[in-house]
Structures are given as C-alpha cells and as structure tokens.
C-alpha cells in the first residue's frame, strides 16, 4: 500500500518544518564578491602524476587568474629533495599573496602515468621550477639553477613576480600572447 501524492507531499513539508530544512535555490557565481578586498591565499596542491591532473590544475589556475608554480622533480633527484621543502615553505609563508596569490604543485616526472608531459613542456633538467599563467607555460622565466632555488630571498622575489601576472601572461614563448609573437600582435 503506497501513500497518495497529497499525503506524501504534506509529510515532506512536515518533515522540513520539524527539521528546520527548506529547499532553496542556490545561486552560482564564478566571480569573486565585489566587497572582497582581502588578498588571495596561496594554494598548495598534491603532486601531479598524470597529464589530466596538470590539465585540471591549469584550468583552475586560469579560471582564478592565479598562476600555477610547478616544481618538476623525480624520486632519484637529490637536488630536487633539497629544494622542494624550501620552495614549499616560501609558498606557504605567503610569497605572492599580496599580488593575488599562486598555486603550487610538484610534478613527479618519474611517475609511471606521467607520459610525455616533460617533453611537452621542454623539461631537460631537474629540478625545474616553471610557472604557468592562463594555462601557458612561462618558458622564459623558468628556473633550472639549483643555487637560485636554494636562495629563499630570490625565490620569494621570483614568486612575487609570477604572482603579479594575474592572467596577463607575457613570457610564454612562441605562441603565447602579450605582443611578443605573431599571434600576440593580433590577439594579445
């Protein structure tokens, strides 16, 4: 024996009143509230092990206009193990937050599922520290010198510079926008 529709409907209303829940439409917005003047916080993500994971973080980075800082590393790389905690500490201490913040993730080059991602982004040495802005690799500003990566003051300045892009690009290389390439002159 089933409930009739009016009885079922009225019992849901009674349950909602008793529990204090009501159904309300939720409004979605992809922009920050106009009254928000607080600086963006840096985001530290889990290690990237697949091309899809990097792609997802690049989409998040582009939609939030927050550059993504990546440290390309491998399990066998002693230099990578030396600089990774320092870079993590500089990012987590707030470097770049006053300019809008950054995202940070390590890319595990020796992960079995990484595919040809290092070739795609021209990673020829490790560690490599590279920023992405608007989903575009910033080849001209990438770091491969371990001594520079061990210098906390230099790292802070580099991260602040990358954070200041805020979706403006500018160092992406041959196909990037910003007026430095053929397409940039037309679309940048």
Foldseek 3Di string as FASTA:
>chain_A
DDDDPVVVVVVVVVVCVVVVHDDDDDDDDLDDDPPDPFFDAAAEDEAAQAPVVVVVVLVVCLSQLAKEKEWEDEPVDPLCVVLVVLLVVLRNVGQQRVLRYHYYHYYHPPRPRHPCVCVVVVPDAPGKIWMAGNNATQVVLIDDDSVQSVDSVSSSVSSNVRSNCSRVDDRRPAPDAPCPYPVNVVPD
